């Protein structure tokens, strides 16, 4: 089941970041995948967007593959799929 408009709006609002690079990557992601996001994707994104800007940037550009605070979800298929989508050029 896809995310509701309200859930998607909330994620997009949370995606507005202090680092322009994060904004650009997240905007590109939402332009490509917003219509296809499901509840599981929403939960992964919610946890990613709760990170501080520098930690999020490290994940988005592949400087790091995981963070200790995401240890529980970093091995899940949903997380790995999300990171592949976010890192697409």
N, C-alpha and C. Protein backbone atom coordinates (compact mmCIF):
# COMPACT_ATOMS: atom_id res chain seq x y z
N UNK A 1 0.84 -1.17 0.00
CA UNK A 1 0.00 0.00 0.00
C UNK A 1 0.89 1.25 0.00
N UNK A 2 0.59 2.17 -0.89
CA UNK A 2 1.39 3.39 -1.00
C UNK A 2 1.10 4.35 0.14
N UNK A 3 2.03 5.26 0.36
CA UNK A 3 1.86 6.28 1.40
C UNK A 3 0.73 7.22 1.04
N UNK A 4 0.04 7.71 2.04
CA UNK A 4 -1.00 8.71 1.81
C UNK A 4 -0.35 10.05 1.47
N UNK A 5 -1.14 10.95 0.95
CA UNK A 5 -0.62 12.29 0.63
C UNK A 5 -0.09 12.97 1.88
N UNK A 6 -0.76 12.80 3.00
CA UNK A 6 -0.33 13.42 4.25
C UNK A 6 1.02 12.86 4.72
N UNK A 7 1.18 11.54 4.62
CA UNK A 7 2.45 10.91 5.02
C UNK A 7 3.58 11.36 4.10
N UNK A 8 3.29 11.42 2.81
CA UNK A 8 4.30 11.86 1.85
C UNK A 8 4.67 13.32 2.08
N UNK A 9 3.69 14.16 2.36
CA UNK A 9 3.95 15.57 2.65
C UNK A 9 4.86 15.71 3.87
N UNK A 10 4.59 14.92 4.89
CA UNK A 10 5.40 14.97 6.12
C UNK A 10 6.85 14.58 5.83
N UNK A 11 7.04 13.52 5.05
CA UNK A 11 8.40 13.10 4.71
C UNK A 11 9.12 14.17 3.89
N UNK A 12 8.42 14.75 2.93
CA UNK A 12 9.03 15.80 2.12
C UNK A 12 9.38 17.02 2.97
N UNK A 13 8.54 17.33 3.95
CA UNK A 13 8.84 18.45 4.86
C UNK A 13 10.07 18.14 5.70
N UNK A 14 10.16 16.92 6.19
CA UNK A 14 11.31 16.51 6.99
C UNK A 14 12.59 16.44 6.16
N UNK A 15 12.43 16.31 4.84
CA UNK A 15 13.59 16.19 3.95
C UNK A 15 14.24 17.53 3.66
N UNK A 16 13.62 18.62 4.03
CA UNK A 16 14.25 19.94 3.83
C UNK A 16 15.35 20.08 4.86
N UNK A 17 16.58 20.12 4.38
CA UNK A 17 17.74 20.04 5.25
C UNK A 17 18.56 21.31 5.23
N UNK A 18 19.53 21.37 6.13
CA UNK A 18 20.43 22.50 6.21
C UNK A 18 21.54 22.45 5.17
N UNK A 19 21.84 21.27 4.66
CA UNK A 19 22.87 21.13 3.64
C UNK A 19 22.21 21.05 2.26
N UNK A 20 22.62 21.93 1.38
CA UNK A 20 22.06 21.95 0.03
C UNK A 20 22.23 20.61 -0.67
N UNK A 21 23.36 19.96 -0.47
CA UNK A 21 23.62 18.68 -1.12
C UNK A 21 22.57 17.65 -0.72
N UNK A 22 22.22 17.60 0.56
CA UNK A 22 21.17 16.69 1.01
C UNK A 22 19.85 17.04 0.34
N UNK A 23 19.53 18.32 0.29
CA UNK A 23 18.28 18.75 -0.34
C UNK A 23 18.21 18.28 -1.79
N UNK A 24 19.30 18.44 -2.51
CA UNK A 24 19.32 18.06 -3.93
C UNK A 24 19.13 16.56 -4.11
N UNK A 25 19.81 15.78 -3.32
CA UNK A 25 19.69 14.32 -3.41
C UNK A 25 18.28 13.87 -3.03
N UNK A 26 17.75 14.42 -1.96
CA UNK A 26 16.41 14.02 -1.51
C UNK A 26 15.34 14.48 -2.49
N UNK A 27 15.49 15.65 -3.06
CA UNK A 27 14.52 16.13 -4.05
C UNK A 27 14.51 15.22 -5.27
N UNK A 28 15.70 14.86 -5.75
CA UNK A 28 15.79 13.94 -6.88
C UNK A 28 15.12 12.62 -6.56
N UNK A 29 15.34 12.11 -5.35
CA UNK A 29 14.72 10.87 -4.91
C UNK A 29 13.20 10.98 -4.94
N UNK A 30 12.64 12.04 -4.35
CA UNK A 30 11.20 12.19 -4.33
C UNK A 30 10.61 12.40 -5.72
N UNK A 31 11.33 13.09 -6.58
CA UNK A 31 10.86 13.26 -7.96
C UNK A 31 10.72 11.91 -8.65
N UNK A 32 11.62 11.00 -8.38
CA UNK A 32 11.61 9.68 -9.02
C UNK A 32 10.66 8.69 -8.36
N UNK A 33 10.60 8.68 -7.03
CA UNK A 33 9.96 7.57 -6.33
C UNK A 33 8.77 7.91 -5.44
N UNK A 34 8.38 9.15 -5.35
CA UNK A 34 7.31 9.53 -4.41
C UNK A 34 6.04 8.72 -4.61
N UNK A 35 5.66 8.47 -5.84
CA UNK A 35 4.42 7.75 -6.11
C UNK A 35 4.49 6.26 -5.79
N UNK A 36 5.69 5.74 -5.62
CA UNK A 36 5.86 4.30 -5.40
C UNK A 36 6.21 3.92 -3.96
N UNK A 37 6.31 4.89 -3.07
CA UNK A 37 6.72 4.61 -1.69
C UNK A 37 5.59 3.94 -0.91
N UNK A 38 5.96 2.89 -0.17
CA UNK A 38 4.98 2.20 0.67
C UNK A 38 5.27 2.49 2.14
N UNK A 39 4.49 1.89 3.03
CA UNK A 39 4.63 2.16 4.46
C UNK A 39 6.01 1.77 4.98
N UNK A 40 6.55 0.66 4.51
CA UNK A 40 7.88 0.22 4.95
C UNK A 40 8.94 1.23 4.51
N UNK A 41 8.83 1.71 3.27
CA UNK A 41 9.75 2.74 2.78
C UNK A 41 9.63 3.99 3.65
N UNK A 42 8.42 4.34 4.00
CA UNK A 42 8.18 5.51 4.83
C UNK A 42 8.86 5.41 6.18
N UNK A 43 8.83 4.23 6.78
CA UNK A 43 9.47 4.04 8.08
C UNK A 43 10.99 4.16 7.97
N UNK A 44 11.57 3.60 6.91
CA UNK A 44 13.01 3.71 6.71
C UNK A 44 13.39 5.18 6.49
N UNK A 45 12.65 5.85 5.63
CA UNK A 45 12.93 7.27 5.38
C UNK A 45 12.81 8.11 6.64
N UNK A 46 11.80 7.82 7.43
CA UNK A 46 11.60 8.57 8.68
C UNK A 46 12.83 8.45 9.58
N UNK A 47 13.39 7.26 9.67
CA UNK A 47 14.58 7.07 10.50
C UNK A 47 15.80 7.76 9.89
N UNK A 48 15.92 7.69 8.58
CA UNK A 48 17.04 8.37 7.92
C UNK A 48 16.95 9.88 8.09
N UNK A 49 15.74 10.42 7.96
CA UNK A 49 15.57 11.86 8.05
C UNK A 49 15.70 12.39 9.47
N UNK A 50 15.70 11.49 10.45
CA UNK A 50 15.90 11.89 11.85
C UNK A 50 17.39 12.10 12.16
N UNK A 51 18.26 11.66 11.25
CA UNK A 51 19.70 11.82 11.44
C UNK A 51 20.10 13.28 11.29
N UNK A 52 21.25 13.63 11.86
CA UNK A 52 21.75 14.98 11.62
C UNK A 52 22.26 15.07 10.19
N UNK A 53 22.41 16.28 9.70
CA UNK A 53 22.74 16.49 8.29
C UNK A 53 24.03 15.81 7.85
N UNK A 54 25.06 15.89 8.66
CA UNK A 54 26.34 15.30 8.27
C UNK A 54 26.29 13.78 8.22
N UNK A 55 25.62 13.15 9.17
CA UNK A 55 25.47 11.69 9.13
C UNK A 55 24.65 11.27 7.92
N UNK A 56 23.59 12.00 7.65
CA UNK A 56 22.77 11.68 6.47
C UNK A 56 23.59 11.83 5.20
N UNK A 57 24.36 12.89 5.10
CA UNK A 57 25.19 13.10 3.91
C UNK A 57 26.18 11.95 3.73
N UNK A 58 26.81 11.52 4.82
CA UNK A 58 27.76 10.40 4.74
C UNK A 58 27.09 9.15 4.15
N UNK A 59 25.86 8.89 4.54
CA UNK A 59 25.14 7.74 4.00
C UNK A 59 24.75 7.96 2.54
N UNK A 60 24.25 9.15 2.24
CA UNK A 60 23.76 9.42 0.88
C UNK A 60 24.86 9.36 -0.17
N UNK A 61 26.05 9.81 0.17
CA UNK A 61 27.12 9.80 -0.82
C UNK A 61 27.99 8.54 -0.73
N UNK A 62 27.66 7.65 0.19
CA UNK A 62 28.38 6.39 0.30
C UNK A 62 29.66 6.44 1.08
N UNK A 63 29.89 7.52 1.79
CA UNK A 63 31.08 7.61 2.63
C UNK A 63 31.00 6.58 3.76
N UNK A 64 29.77 6.32 4.20
CA UNK A 64 29.50 5.28 5.21
C UNK A 64 28.35 4.43 4.69
N UNK A 65 28.35 3.16 5.04
CA UNK A 65 27.27 2.28 4.64
C UNK A 65 26.23 2.10 5.73
N UNK A 66 26.63 2.34 6.97
CA UNK A 66 25.68 2.24 8.08
C UNK A 66 26.18 3.06 9.26
N UNK A 67 25.26 3.33 10.15
CA UNK A 67 25.57 4.05 11.39
C UNK A 67 25.06 3.23 12.56
N UNK A 68 25.68 3.38 13.70
CA UNK A 68 25.28 2.62 14.89
C UNK A 68 23.81 2.82 15.23
N UNK A 69 23.30 4.04 15.06
CA UNK A 69 21.90 4.30 15.41
C UNK A 69 20.92 3.60 14.48
N UNK A 70 21.41 3.14 13.34
CA UNK A 70 20.55 2.44 12.38
C UNK A 70 20.85 0.95 12.32
N UNK A 71 21.59 0.45 13.30
CA UNK A 71 22.03 -0.94 13.29
C UNK A 71 20.87 -1.92 13.11
N UNK A 72 19.74 -1.64 13.75
CA UNK A 72 18.60 -2.56 13.68
C UNK A 72 18.03 -2.69 12.28
N UNK A 73 18.03 -1.60 11.53
CA UNK A 73 17.40 -1.66 10.21
C UNK A 73 18.39 -1.79 9.06
N UNK A 74 19.67 -1.57 9.31
CA UNK A 74 20.64 -1.52 8.22
C UNK A 74 20.81 -2.85 7.48
N UNK A 75 20.41 -3.94 8.07
CA UNK A 75 20.53 -5.23 7.39
C UNK A 75 19.23 -5.64 6.69
N UNK A 76 18.19 -4.83 6.80
CA UNK A 76 16.92 -5.19 6.18
C UNK A 76 16.94 -4.89 4.68
N UNK A 77 16.13 -5.62 3.97
CA UNK A 77 16.00 -5.41 2.53
C UNK A 77 15.46 -4.02 2.23
N UNK A 78 14.51 -3.56 3.04
CA UNK A 78 13.92 -2.23 2.83
C UNK A 78 14.98 -1.13 2.93
N UNK A 79 15.85 -1.22 3.91
CA UNK A 79 16.92 -0.24 4.08
C UNK A 79 17.88 -0.28 2.90
N UNK A 80 18.30 -1.47 2.53
CA UNK A 80 19.26 -1.60 1.43
C UNK A 80 18.66 -1.10 0.12
N UNK A 81 17.41 -1.40 -0.12
CA UNK A 81 16.73 -0.91 -1.32
C UNK A 81 16.63 0.61 -1.30
N UNK A 82 16.32 1.16 -0.14
CA UNK A 82 16.21 2.62 0.00
C UNK A 82 17.54 3.29 -0.27
N UNK A 83 18.62 2.73 0.26
CA UNK A 83 19.94 3.33 0.05
C UNK A 83 20.34 3.26 -1.43
N UNK A 84 20.00 2.17 -2.10
CA UNK A 84 20.29 2.08 -3.54
C UNK A 84 19.56 3.18 -4.30
N UNK A 85 18.30 3.38 -3.97
CA UNK A 85 17.51 4.42 -4.64
C UNK A 85 18.07 5.82 -4.35
N UNK A 86 18.40 6.07 -3.10
CA UNK A 86 18.91 7.38 -2.72
C UNK A 86 20.26 7.69 -3.36
N UNK A 87 21.06 6.66 -3.58
CA UNK A 87 22.39 6.88 -4.14
C UNK A 87 22.43 6.89 -5.66
N UNK A 88 21.30 6.61 -6.29
CA UNK A 88 21.28 6.63 -7.76
C UNK A 88 21.62 8.03 -8.28
N UNK A 89 22.34 8.06 -9.37
CA UNK A 89 22.72 9.35 -9.97
C UNK A 89 21.70 9.74 -11.00
